[in-house]
Each structure stands twice: as structure tokens, then as C-alpha cells.
Amino acid sequence: MDDVVIRASRPADMPAVADLRWRWSVDEGGATPAATTAEYRAAMSAFAAAHPGTHWCVVAEQDGTVLGMAWLALTERPPTPDRPQRRLTADVQTVYVHPDLRGGGVARRLVTALLDVADGLGVERTSVHSSVDGETLYRRLGFGDARLLLQRPPEA
């Protein structure tokens, strides 16, 4: 997979990023879309344009085609006496690699690129809501269980 380039996404990549998410959710996951592919591409492009400071996307590109993606969502936290300046936490989101590239370390490279961004920004904590398939990857990259990190599902 030496011919796969991991890089920051550009606005022109967003339709391809949308197509990957569509493939993951609709084609592979069986979700019922609430929009056409064109509408979804526009929504993804609008989202990226509206959130440049809080959502970072990196892509995996091979021969000029985007075949993988990963997002990092940043959340600002209130200051504390020991950290009166900017405090950030981050969440790795929407990591997907096209089936043709799976098993070659592309997901690891995508997530590592996001962790480098998080480290460069001084993020205090980076979390991920992993799939069963992704758990091993995240643990190898240093993610572990957090005893008091709780979540409340919307139906509660």
C-alpha cells in the first residue's frame, strides 16, 4: 500500500467522501437514505465548509481516487485554573476504507494522521466509539477503556 497517500481533505474531496459514507451506510449497512446521492454529496460538502475549525477530515488516495476517510471532531472545554487557555477534547469519527484497500494498514494510517493533528493541537483526550471490527486497531494505537466515560443513548 505504498502507493496510498494519506492527506488532509480538500473541499473538492467531499463528494467522494460522501460516496464512501453512502457505500458504508446504505450499500453495506442497509440504511434507508433520506436524500438522493446528489443531495447527500451537497450536504457533506456544506458540512465540511461550515465546520473547518471543529472537524478535520483526512483521506486515503490511490491513483487520484479517494478510497478512505477519517474525521476528527474537536470540542472546546471550559478553562480550569491549571489550564486557563484553550482546552480541547477530540473524537475520532467516521473511519472507513474501501474494501479494495482493507487489510493493508490504511485505517491505521488514517487514524494515526488524526492523532498527530490532535497531538499538535494539544488535545487533552481523544476518544472513539469503535465498531467490533475496529477495536483491535484502536487498542494498538493506545486507546483503552475509560472507567468513568459514560454515555446516554437518545432513547433513555
Protein backbone atom coordinates (compact mmCIF):
# COMPACT_ATOMS: atom_id res chain seq x y z
CA MET A 1 0.00 0.00 0.00
CA ASP A 2 2.95 2.31 -0.56
CA ASP A 3 1.01 3.97 -3.37
CA VAL A 4 -1.71 5.16 -0.98
CA VAL A 5 -1.31 8.78 0.12
CA ILE A 6 -2.85 9.97 3.40
CA ARG A 7 -3.54 13.69 3.33
CA ALA A 8 -5.83 16.41 4.64
CA SER A 9 -9.04 16.56 2.69
CA ARG A 10 -9.84 19.40 0.34
CA PRO A 11 -13.27 20.82 -0.49
CA ALA A 12 -13.16 19.02 -3.85
CA ASP A 13 -12.87 15.68 -1.99
CA MET A 14 -16.20 15.99 -0.20
CA PRO A 15 -18.35 14.34 -2.93
CA ALA A 16 -16.01 11.32 -2.82
CA VAL A 17 -16.10 11.36 1.00
CA ALA A 18 -19.90 11.41 0.80
CA ASP A 19 -19.85 8.48 -1.63
CA LEU A 20 -17.72 6.46 0.80
CA ARG A 21 -20.11 7.18 3.67
CA TRP A 22 -23.05 6.29 1.41
CA ARG A 23 -21.38 2.99 0.48
CA TRP A 24 -20.72 2.23 4.15
CA SER A 25 -24.19 3.16 5.45
CA VAL A 26 -26.51 2.34 2.57
CA ASP A 27 -24.79 -0.22 0.33
CA GLU A 28 -23.02 -2.20 3.06
CA GLY A 29 -25.12 -1.31 6.11
CA GLY A 30 -28.61 -1.38 4.62
CA ALA A 31 -29.65 2.08 5.86
CA THR A 32 -32.56 3.70 4.07
CA PRO A 33 -31.38 7.03 2.65
CA ALA A 34 -33.38 10.18 3.34
CA ALA A 35 -31.80 12.01 0.40
CA THR A 36 -30.56 11.37 -3.10
CA THR A 37 -26.84 10.81 -3.61
CA ALA A 38 -26.56 14.30 -5.11
CA GLU A 39 -28.32 15.85 -2.10
CA TYR A 40 -26.10 13.88 0.26
CA ARG A 41 -22.94 14.98 -1.55
CA ALA A 42 -24.10 18.59 -1.23
CA ALA A 43 -24.85 18.09 2.47
CA MET A 44 -21.38 16.61 3.11
CA SER A 45 -19.74 19.48 1.24
CA ALA A 46 -21.79 22.04 3.18
CA PHE A 47 -20.95 20.36 6.49
CA ALA A 48 -17.21 20.42 5.81
CA ALA A 49 -17.36 24.04 4.68
CA ALA A 50 -19.31 25.07 7.79
CA HIS A 51 -17.00 23.32 10.30
CA PRO A 52 -13.37 23.89 9.28
CA GLY A 53 -12.22 24.63 12.83
CA THR A 54 -14.00 21.79 14.60
CA HIS A 55 -13.96 18.87 12.16
CA TRP A 56 -10.83 17.66 10.40
CA CYS A 57 -11.05 15.10 7.62
CA VAL A 58 -8.16 13.10 6.24
CA VAL A 59 -8.42 10.91 3.17
CA ALA A 60 -6.59 7.97 1.66
CA GLU A 61 -5.96 8.50 -2.02
CA GLN A 62 -4.72 5.98 -4.56
CA ASP A 63 -4.09 6.93 -8.17
CA GLY A 64 -6.09 10.14 -7.71
CA THR A 65 -9.12 8.38 -6.23
CA VAL A 66 -10.28 8.89 -2.62
CA LEU A 67 -10.75 5.41 -1.15
CA GLY A 68 -10.67 6.06 2.58
CA MET A 69 -11.58 8.73 5.11
CA ALA A 70 -11.48 9.57 8.79
CA TRP A 71 -12.76 12.56 10.77
CA LEU A 72 -11.64 14.21 13.99
CA ALA A 73 -14.25 16.25 15.85
CA LEU A 74 -12.91 18.82 18.31
CA THR A 75 -14.79 20.09 21.34
CA GLU A 76 -13.72 23.12 23.33
CA ARG A 77 -13.96 22.76 27.09
CA PRO A 78 -14.28 25.41 29.79
CA PRO A 79 -10.97 26.61 31.24
CA THR A 80 -9.65 25.27 34.51
CA PRO A 81 -7.32 27.04 36.96
CA ASP A 82 -4.38 24.94 35.75
CA ARG A 83 -5.35 25.33 32.06
CA PRO A 84 -6.85 28.81 31.66
CA GLN A 85 -6.19 28.83 27.92
CA ARG A 86 -7.85 26.72 25.23
CA ARG A 87 -8.79 23.21 26.30
CA LEU A 88 -9.81 20.63 23.72
CA THR A 89 -11.02 17.08 23.57
CA ALA A 90 -11.43 15.14 20.36
CA ASP A 91 -13.41 12.24 18.97
CA VAL A 92 -12.29 10.04 16.07
CA GLN A 93 -15.29 9.56 13.79
CA THR A 94 -16.35 8.00 10.52
CA VAL A 95 -13.27 5.92 9.73
CA TYR A 96 -13.89 3.99 6.54
CA VAL A 97 -11.69 2.29 3.98
CA HIS A 98 -12.96 0.97 0.65
CA PRO A 99 -12.97 -2.86 0.58
CA ASP A 100 -10.26 -2.87 -2.10
CA LEU A 101 -7.79 -1.34 0.37
CA ARG A 102 -8.74 -3.13 3.58
CA GLY A 103 -6.16 -5.17 5.42
CA GLY A 104 -3.20 -3.08 4.26
CA GLY A 105 -2.87 -0.68 7.18
CA VAL A 106 -4.75 2.21 5.58
CA ALA A 107 -7.15 2.64 8.50
CA ARG A 108 -4.19 2.71 10.90
CA ARG A 109 -2.52 5.39 8.80
CA LEU A 110 -5.71 7.47 8.65
CA VAL A 111 -6.25 7.33 12.42
CA THR A 112 -2.56 7.99 13.09
CA ALA A 113 -2.79 11.12 10.93
CA LEU A 114 -5.75 12.32 13.03
CA LEU A 115 -3.92 11.57 16.27
CA ASP A 116 -0.99 13.63 15.01
CA VAL A 117 -3.41 16.53 14.43
CA ALA A 118 -4.87 16.08 17.92
CA ASP A 119 -1.41 16.00 19.50
CA GLY A 120 -0.36 19.09 17.56
CA LEU A 121 -3.40 20.96 18.87
CA GLY A 122 -2.71 19.93 22.48
CA VAL A 123 -5.89 17.84 22.79
CA GLU A 124 -6.31 16.53 26.36
CA ARG A 125 -8.18 13.36 25.48
CA THR A 126 -9.17 11.64 22.24
CA SER A 127 -12.00 9.12 22.26
CA VAL A 128 -13.57 6.83 19.70
CA HIS A 129 -16.82 4.88 19.55
CA SER A 130 -15.46 1.78 17.87
CA SER A 131 -17.08 -0.96 15.89
CA VAL A 132 -16.25 -4.52 16.93
CA ASP A 133 -14.04 -4.79 13.83
CA GLY A 134 -12.13 -1.62 14.69
CA GLU A 135 -11.47 -2.31 18.37
CA THR A 136 -8.13 -4.07 17.83
CA LEU A 137 -6.83 -1.21 15.70
CA TYR A 138 -7.74 1.42 18.29
CA ARG A 139 -6.25 -0.56 21.15
CA ARG A 140 -3.00 -0.95 19.17
CA LEU A 141 -2.93 2.83 18.75
CA GLY A 142 -3.16 3.39 22.51
CA PHE A 143 -6.90 3.67 23.09
CA GLY A 144 -8.15 1.95 26.22
CA ASP A 145 -11.16 1.67 28.45
CA ALA A 146 -12.08 4.74 30.47
CA ARG A 147 -13.79 3.71 33.68
CA LEU A 148 -15.97 6.81 34.07
CA LEU A 149 -16.63 7.71 30.44
CA LEU A 150 -20.37 7.18 30.26
CA GLN A 151 -22.88 7.76 27.51
CA ARG A 152 -26.61 8.19 27.46
CA PRO A 153 -28.44 6.83 24.42
CA PRO A 154 -31.14 9.12 22.99
CA GLU A 155 -33.95 6.71 23.88
CA ALA A 156 -33.18 6.89 27.63
